[in-house]
Amino acid sequence: MADTGGVSLPVSVSICRMNQTPWGCLGPPGPSVTTQIGTGEAPTFGIFVIAAGPVAFNPTVSRVFVRFLDTNGVTRALTGVALRAQ
């Protein structure tokens, strides 16, 4: 899933699993995607952020996170990136 970590920002965030040949989303982007990741598999995901207003560059607060959860909802991996929009 992709989100802003509970921080209210003027952005919409969506995610999809990507196909590498031909390049594109395997399904419509949404707030989360459910998929199986097999041993040794390295899937690709697209993260889309659309700003509806300015977002000040504040890496501590203005962030988008991508969370990888298991079937029990336990976070198994997490990454994030700072946002800025003018």
C-alpha atoms as a PDB file:
ATOM      1  CA  MET A   1       0.000   0.000   0.000  1.00  0.00           C
ATOM      2  CA  ALA A   2       1.048   3.615  -0.483  1.00  0.00           C
ATOM      3  CA  ASP A   3       0.139   6.419   1.938  1.00  0.00           C
ATOM      4  CA  THR A   4       1.318   9.599   3.655  1.00  0.00           C
ATOM      5  CA  GLY A   5       1.813   7.967   7.039  1.00  0.00           C
ATOM      6  CA  GLY A   6      -1.307   9.562   8.515  1.00  0.00           C
ATOM      7  CA  VAL A   7      -0.141  13.101   7.742  1.00  0.00           C
ATOM      8  CA  SER A   8      -2.778  15.224   6.010  1.00  0.00           C
ATOM      9  CA  LEU A   9      -1.223  16.473   2.769  1.00  0.00           C
ATOM     10  CA  PRO A  10      -2.961  17.897  -0.331  1.00  0.00           C
ATOM     11  CA  VAL A  11      -2.034  14.837  -2.402  1.00  0.00           C
ATOM     12  CA  SER A  12      -3.651  11.669  -3.670  1.00  0.00           C
ATOM     13  CA  VAL A  13      -1.484   8.547  -3.644  1.00  0.00           C
ATOM     14  CA  SER A  14      -2.021   5.338  -5.613  1.00  0.00           C
ATOM     15  CA  ILE A  15      -0.052   2.179  -6.391  1.00  0.00           C
ATOM     16  CA  CYS A  16      -0.157  -0.610  -8.965  1.00  0.00           C
ATOM     17  CA  ARG A  17       1.903  -3.672  -9.781  1.00  0.00           C
ATOM     18  CA  MET A  18       3.759  -3.090 -13.027  1.00  0.00           C
ATOM     19  CA  ASN A  19       4.244  -5.356 -15.999  1.00  0.00           C
ATOM     20  CA  GLN A  20       7.718  -5.024 -17.489  1.00  0.00           C
ATOM     21  CA  THR A  21       6.879  -6.213 -21.021  1.00  0.00           C
ATOM     22  CA  PRO A  22       4.953  -4.256 -22.215  1.00  0.00           C
ATOM     23  CA  TRP A  23       5.487  -1.597 -19.549  1.00  0.00           C
ATOM     24  CA  GLY A  24       2.345  -0.578 -17.651  1.00  0.00           C
ATOM     25  CA  CYS A  25       0.063  -1.287 -14.699  1.00  0.00           C
ATOM     26  CA  LEU A  26      -1.367  -4.798 -14.436  1.00  0.00           C
ATOM     27  CA  GLY A  27      -4.561  -3.297 -12.982  1.00  0.00           C
ATOM     28  CA  PRO A  28      -5.949   0.139 -12.172  1.00  0.00           C
ATOM     29  CA  PRO A  29      -3.919   2.119  -9.599  1.00  0.00           C
ATOM     30  CA  GLY A  30      -5.520   2.358  -6.152  1.00  0.00           C
ATOM     31  CA  PRO A  31      -4.589   2.910  -2.495  1.00  0.00           C
ATOM     32  CA  SER A  32      -3.332  -0.670  -2.277  1.00  0.00           C
ATOM     33  CA  VAL A  33      -2.690  -3.738  -4.414  1.00  0.00           C
ATOM     34  CA  THR A  34      -2.862  -7.390  -3.370  1.00  0.00           C
ATOM     35  CA  THR A  35      -0.334  -9.752  -4.926  1.00  0.00           C
ATOM     36  CA  GLN A  36       1.680 -12.868  -4.198  1.00  0.00           C
ATOM     37  CA  ILE A  37       5.471 -12.483  -4.252  1.00  0.00           C
ATOM     38  CA  GLY A  38       7.246 -15.786  -4.730  1.00  0.00           C
ATOM     39  CA  THR A  39      10.717 -16.704  -3.507  1.00  0.00           C
ATOM     40  CA  GLY A  40      13.333 -15.037  -5.712  1.00  0.00           C
ATOM     41  CA  GLU A  41      10.705 -12.886  -7.438  1.00  0.00           C
ATOM     42  CA  ALA A  42      11.384  -9.135  -7.781  1.00  0.00           C
ATOM     43  CA  PRO A  43       8.115  -7.443  -8.778  1.00  0.00           C
ATOM     44  CA  THR A  44       7.925  -3.807  -9.840  1.00  0.00           C
ATOM     45  CA  PHE A  45       5.372  -1.321  -8.502  1.00  0.00           C
ATOM     46  CA  GLY A  46       4.346   2.111  -9.775  1.00  0.00           C
ATOM     47  CA  ILE A  47       3.578   4.826  -7.227  1.00  0.00           C
ATOM     48  CA  PHE A  48       1.562   7.831  -8.399  1.00  0.00           C
ATOM     49  CA  VAL A  49       1.308  11.068  -6.403  1.00  0.00           C
ATOM     50  CA  ILE A  50      -0.908  13.925  -7.576  1.00  0.00           C
ATOM     51  CA  ALA A  51      -0.735  17.216  -5.680  1.00  0.00           C
ATOM     52  CA  ALA A  52      -3.881  19.316  -5.261  1.00  0.00           C
ATOM     53  CA  GLY A  53      -1.915  22.162  -3.696  1.00  0.00           C
ATOM     54  CA  PRO A  54       1.556  23.146  -2.561  1.00  0.00           C
ATOM     55  CA  VAL A  55       3.567  20.782  -0.365  1.00  0.00           C
ATOM     56  CA  ALA A  56       6.501  22.431   1.431  1.00  0.00           C
ATOM     57  CA  PHE A  57       9.803  20.580   1.316  1.00  0.00           C
ATOM     58  CA  ASN A  58       9.936  19.154   4.831  1.00  0.00           C
ATOM     59  CA  PRO A  59      11.449  15.646   4.618  1.00  0.00           C
ATOM     60  CA  THR A  60      10.499  14.884   8.218  1.00  0.00           C
ATOM     61  CA  VAL A  61       6.764  15.410   7.614  1.00  0.00           C
ATOM     62  CA  SER A  62       5.955  15.538   3.881  1.00  0.00           C
ATOM     63  CA  ARG A  63       6.505  11.936   2.808  1.00  0.00           C
ATOM     64  CA  VAL A  64       4.941   9.092   0.861  1.00  0.00           C
ATOM     65  CA  PHE A  65       5.425   5.582   2.196  1.00  0.00           C
ATOM     66  CA  VAL A  66       5.174   2.222   0.474  1.00  0.00           C
ATOM     67  CA  ARG A  67       4.364  -0.611   2.873  1.00  0.00           C
ATOM     68  CA  PHE A  68       4.564  -4.321   2.151  1.00  0.00           C
ATOM     69  CA  LEU A  69       2.198  -6.265   4.416  1.00  0.00           C
ATOM     70  CA  ASP A  70       1.750 -10.013   4.854  1.00  0.00           C
ATOM     71  CA  THR A  71      -1.659 -11.725   4.839  1.00  0.00           C
ATOM     72  CA  ASN A  72      -2.057 -10.902   8.558  1.00  0.00           C
ATOM     73  CA  GLY A  73      -1.527  -7.168   7.969  1.00  0.00           C
ATOM     74  CA  VAL A  74       1.962  -7.172   9.532  1.00  0.00           C
ATOM     75  CA  THR A  75       4.400  -4.760   7.866  1.00  0.00           C
ATOM     76  CA  ARG A  76       7.297  -6.779   6.400  1.00  0.00           C
ATOM     77  CA  ALA A  77       9.030  -3.935   4.522  1.00  0.00           C
ATOM     78  CA  LEU A  78       8.684  -0.159   4.374  1.00  0.00           C
ATOM     79  CA  THR A  79      10.254   2.570   2.296  1.00  0.00           C
ATOM     80  CA  GLY A  80       9.512   6.257   1.865  1.00  0.00           C
ATOM     81  CA  VAL A  81      10.420   9.373  -0.056  1.00  0.00           C
ATOM     82  CA  ALA A  82      10.129  13.088   0.696  1.00  0.00           C
ATOM     83  CA  LEU A  83       7.573  15.150  -1.251  1.00  0.00           C
ATOM     84  CA  ARG A  84       7.594  18.674  -2.580  1.00  0.00           C
ATOM     85  CA  ALA A  85       5.024  20.382  -4.798  1.00  0.00           C
ATOM     86  CA  GLN A  86       4.696  24.027  -5.792  1.00  0.00           C
END
